[in-house]
Amino acid sequence: MKKIYGILIALAFGKLGCTQAPGERPHVLNPAFDKKIGQMLSFTVPAIGVGELNDIQNEVFIFDARELQEYELSHIKGARYLGYDDFDESRLIGVSKDSKIVLYCSIGYRSEKIGEKLQKMGYTNIYNLYGSIFEWVNEGYPIVGPDGKPTRKLHTYDSKWSQWVDPEKAEKVW
């Protein structure tokens, strides 16, 4: 009976497994985008804002949880490809289980799922970039192409998802 009451309380006050209250989420520029992100995420992996990542970018491991074609078009400087559908834990060789890791994808859904997988594998210091690469670009932070040079090209998945990227900040590709 106590379990049933616990579940009912959890449902009344938020999603099951939620580890971050909505009021504690990092800021994003577009309130509609923030609402969409909030609907997509479970907050099972702590969120980090793009400004905070920018401040510590050289002190953490950054992994891209998008598909290879998305990563190869452009990514956050210093990010390593980890993948989503083709996730391979061998890409984590050399990263200790207590290293600070920041994951991102397009908006944060796929990176949250990979974060959950890493948590199950014993990684203890995992963060999901809130708004992910879309918010990174929207806030004016640079991305790089396969040659490591700055680019405006951003894989926005498809026309539906591309609405969340400011056309003044990136050249949308899908």
Protein backbone atom coordinates (compact mmCIF):
# COMPACT_ATOMS: atom_id res chain seq x y z
CA MET A 1 0.00 0.00 0.00
CA LYS A 2 2.89 2.39 0.77
CA LYS A 3 4.27 1.82 -2.74
CA ILE A 4 0.93 2.80 -4.28
CA TYR A 5 0.83 6.01 -2.23
CA GLY A 6 4.41 6.78 -3.27
CA ILE A 7 3.57 6.32 -6.93
CA LEU A 8 0.46 8.50 -6.62
CA ILE A 9 2.48 11.26 -4.93
CA ALA A 10 5.16 11.03 -7.61
CA LEU A 11 2.53 11.29 -10.35
CA ALA A 12 0.84 14.23 -8.65
CA PHE A 13 4.04 16.23 -8.24
CA GLY A 14 6.12 15.30 -11.27
CA LYS A 15 7.44 12.55 -13.47
CA LEU A 16 8.73 9.37 -11.93
CA GLY A 17 12.51 9.37 -11.88
CA CYS A 18 12.72 13.15 -12.16
CA THR A 19 15.93 14.34 -10.53
CA GLN A 20 15.71 18.01 -11.41
CA ALA A 21 12.78 20.26 -10.61
CA PRO A 22 11.48 22.26 -13.60
CA GLY A 23 12.27 25.54 -11.83
CA GLU A 24 15.92 24.48 -11.55
CA ARG A 25 16.37 23.88 -15.27
CA PRO A 26 18.96 25.95 -17.08
CA HIS A 27 17.69 28.97 -19.00
CA VAL A 28 17.03 28.83 -22.74
CA LEU A 29 16.31 31.84 -24.94
CA ASN A 30 13.00 30.66 -26.47
CA PRO A 31 10.23 29.86 -23.92
CA ALA A 32 8.44 27.62 -26.46
CA PHE A 33 11.65 25.63 -26.96
CA ASP A 34 12.04 25.35 -23.19
CA LYS A 35 8.50 23.97 -22.97
CA LYS A 36 9.23 21.44 -25.74
CA ILE A 37 12.45 20.30 -24.05
CA GLY A 38 10.60 19.93 -20.74
CA GLN A 39 8.02 17.70 -22.43
CA MET A 40 10.69 15.50 -23.98
CA LEU A 41 13.02 14.93 -21.02
CA SER A 42 12.59 12.84 -17.88
CA PHE A 43 15.40 14.67 -16.02
CA THR A 44 16.97 11.36 -14.98
CA VAL A 45 20.35 12.87 -15.84
CA PRO A 46 21.23 16.25 -14.28
CA ALA A 47 21.05 19.13 -16.74
CA ILE A 48 23.78 21.68 -17.38
CA GLY A 49 23.27 24.95 -19.24
CA VAL A 50 25.17 26.00 -22.34
CA GLY A 51 26.77 28.98 -20.59
CA GLU A 52 28.06 26.75 -17.82
CA LEU A 53 29.48 24.27 -20.33
CA ASN A 54 31.16 27.11 -22.21
CA ASP A 55 32.86 28.16 -18.96
CA ILE A 56 34.21 24.65 -18.24
CA GLN A 57 34.53 23.29 -21.77
CA ASN A 58 38.23 22.46 -21.42
CA GLU A 59 37.78 20.77 -18.04
CA VAL A 60 35.23 18.09 -18.98
CA PHE A 61 34.72 15.28 -21.45
CA ILE A 62 32.11 16.30 -24.02
CA PHE A 63 30.38 13.57 -26.01
CA ASP A 64 28.03 13.94 -28.96
CA ALA A 65 25.12 11.48 -28.82
CA ARG A 66 23.80 12.22 -32.30
CA GLU A 67 24.29 10.07 -35.37
CA LEU A 68 27.63 10.14 -37.19
CA GLN A 69 26.38 12.20 -40.15
CA GLU A 70 25.14 14.88 -37.73
CA TYR A 71 28.44 14.93 -35.82
CA GLU A 72 30.53 14.97 -38.99
CA LEU A 73 28.70 18.02 -40.35
CA SER A 74 29.40 20.01 -37.18
CA HIS A 75 29.81 19.63 -33.44
CA ILE A 76 30.90 21.47 -30.32
CA LYS A 77 34.65 22.00 -30.35
CA GLY A 78 36.40 19.26 -28.40
CA ALA A 79 33.40 16.93 -28.47
CA ARG A 80 34.00 13.28 -29.16
CA TYR A 81 31.54 11.15 -31.10
CA LEU A 82 29.64 8.66 -28.94
CA GLY A 83 26.56 7.98 -31.04
CA TYR A 84 23.03 6.94 -30.25
CA ASP A 85 21.81 4.08 -32.43
CA ASP A 86 25.40 2.94 -32.94
CA PHE A 87 26.52 3.63 -29.36
CA ASP A 88 29.76 1.79 -28.62
CA GLU A 89 31.25 1.87 -25.13
CA SER A 90 34.75 1.45 -26.57
CA ARG A 91 34.52 5.15 -27.48
CA LEU A 92 34.79 5.81 -23.73
CA ILE A 93 38.23 4.19 -23.40
CA GLY A 94 40.42 6.40 -21.25
CA VAL A 95 37.49 8.07 -19.49
CA SER A 96 37.28 7.09 -15.83
CA LYS A 97 33.91 6.30 -14.26
CA ASP A 98 34.15 9.42 -12.06
CA SER A 99 35.17 11.87 -14.82
CA LYS A 100 32.83 14.79 -15.45
CA ILE A 101 31.04 14.02 -18.71
CA VAL A 102 28.67 16.31 -20.60
CA LEU A 103 26.48 14.73 -23.25
CA TYR A 104 24.52 16.48 -25.96
CA CYS A 105 22.45 15.76 -29.05
CA SER A 106 20.02 18.06 -30.87
CA ILE A 107 17.73 19.05 -27.98
CA GLY A 108 18.71 16.66 -25.17
CA TYR A 109 16.48 13.60 -25.53
CA ARG A 110 18.98 11.20 -27.09
CA SER A 111 21.78 12.43 -24.84
CA GLU A 112 19.59 11.84 -21.79
CA LYS A 113 19.00 8.23 -22.89
CA ILE A 114 22.75 7.72 -23.42
CA GLY A 115 23.34 9.33 -20.00
CA GLU A 116 21.01 6.79 -18.42
CA LYS A 117 22.97 4.02 -20.14
CA LEU A 118 26.26 5.43 -18.80
CA GLN A 119 24.80 5.66 -15.30
CA LYS A 120 23.89 1.95 -15.50
CA MET A 121 27.48 1.27 -16.61
CA GLY A 122 28.74 2.92 -13.41
CA TYR A 123 29.61 6.44 -14.60
CA THR A 124 28.81 8.81 -11.74
CA ASN A 125 29.38 12.36 -12.99
CA ILE A 126 27.15 12.63 -16.07
CA TYR A 127 25.38 15.80 -17.27
CA ASN A 128 22.95 16.40 -20.11
CA LEU A 129 23.36 19.69 -22.00
CA TYR A 130 19.95 21.35 -21.68
CA GLY A 131 18.76 22.37 -25.14
CA SER A 132 21.86 20.62 -26.47
CA ILE A 133 23.56 21.79 -29.65
CA PHE A 134 20.44 23.69 -30.78
CA GLU A 135 20.57 25.96 -27.72
CA TRP A 136 24.38 26.12 -27.93
CA VAL A 137 24.05 27.63 -31.41
CA ASN A 138 21.03 29.78 -30.48
CA GLU A 139 23.07 31.42 -27.74
CA GLY A 140 25.85 32.20 -30.19
CA TYR A 141 28.46 29.64 -29.16
CA PRO A 142 30.60 28.28 -32.02
CA ILE A 143 30.48 24.91 -33.68
CA VAL A 144 33.17 23.35 -35.84
CA GLY A 145 33.14 21.27 -38.98
CA PRO A 146 35.09 18.08 -39.68
CA ASP A 147 38.22 20.15 -40.33
CA GLY A 148 38.01 21.70 -36.85
CA LYS A 149 37.28 25.14 -38.28
CA PRO A 150 34.21 27.19 -37.31
CA THR A 151 31.12 26.60 -39.42
CA ARG A 152 27.53 27.82 -39.55
CA LYS A 153 26.24 24.46 -40.84
CA LEU A 154 24.15 22.56 -38.33
CA HIS A 155 22.31 19.30 -38.87
CA THR A 156 18.82 20.08 -37.61
CA TYR A 157 17.50 16.52 -38.06
CA ASP A 158 14.48 17.46 -40.21
CA SER A 159 12.21 20.41 -41.04
CA LYS A 160 10.05 19.84 -37.95
CA TRP A 161 12.96 20.01 -35.51
CA SER A 162 14.76 22.78 -37.38
CA GLN A 163 12.16 25.28 -36.11
CA TRP A 164 14.03 25.32 -32.79
CA VAL A 165 17.20 26.77 -34.33
CA ASP A 166 17.45 30.51 -34.95
CA PRO A 167 18.04 30.91 -38.72
CA GLU A 168 20.27 33.92 -37.99
CA LYS A 169 22.65 31.70 -36.01
CA ALA A 170 23.04 28.67 -38.27
CA GLU A 171 22.64 27.28 -41.75
CA LYS A 172 20.17 24.46 -41.28
CA VAL A 173 20.96 21.15 -42.98
CA TRP A 174 19.07 17.86 -42.88
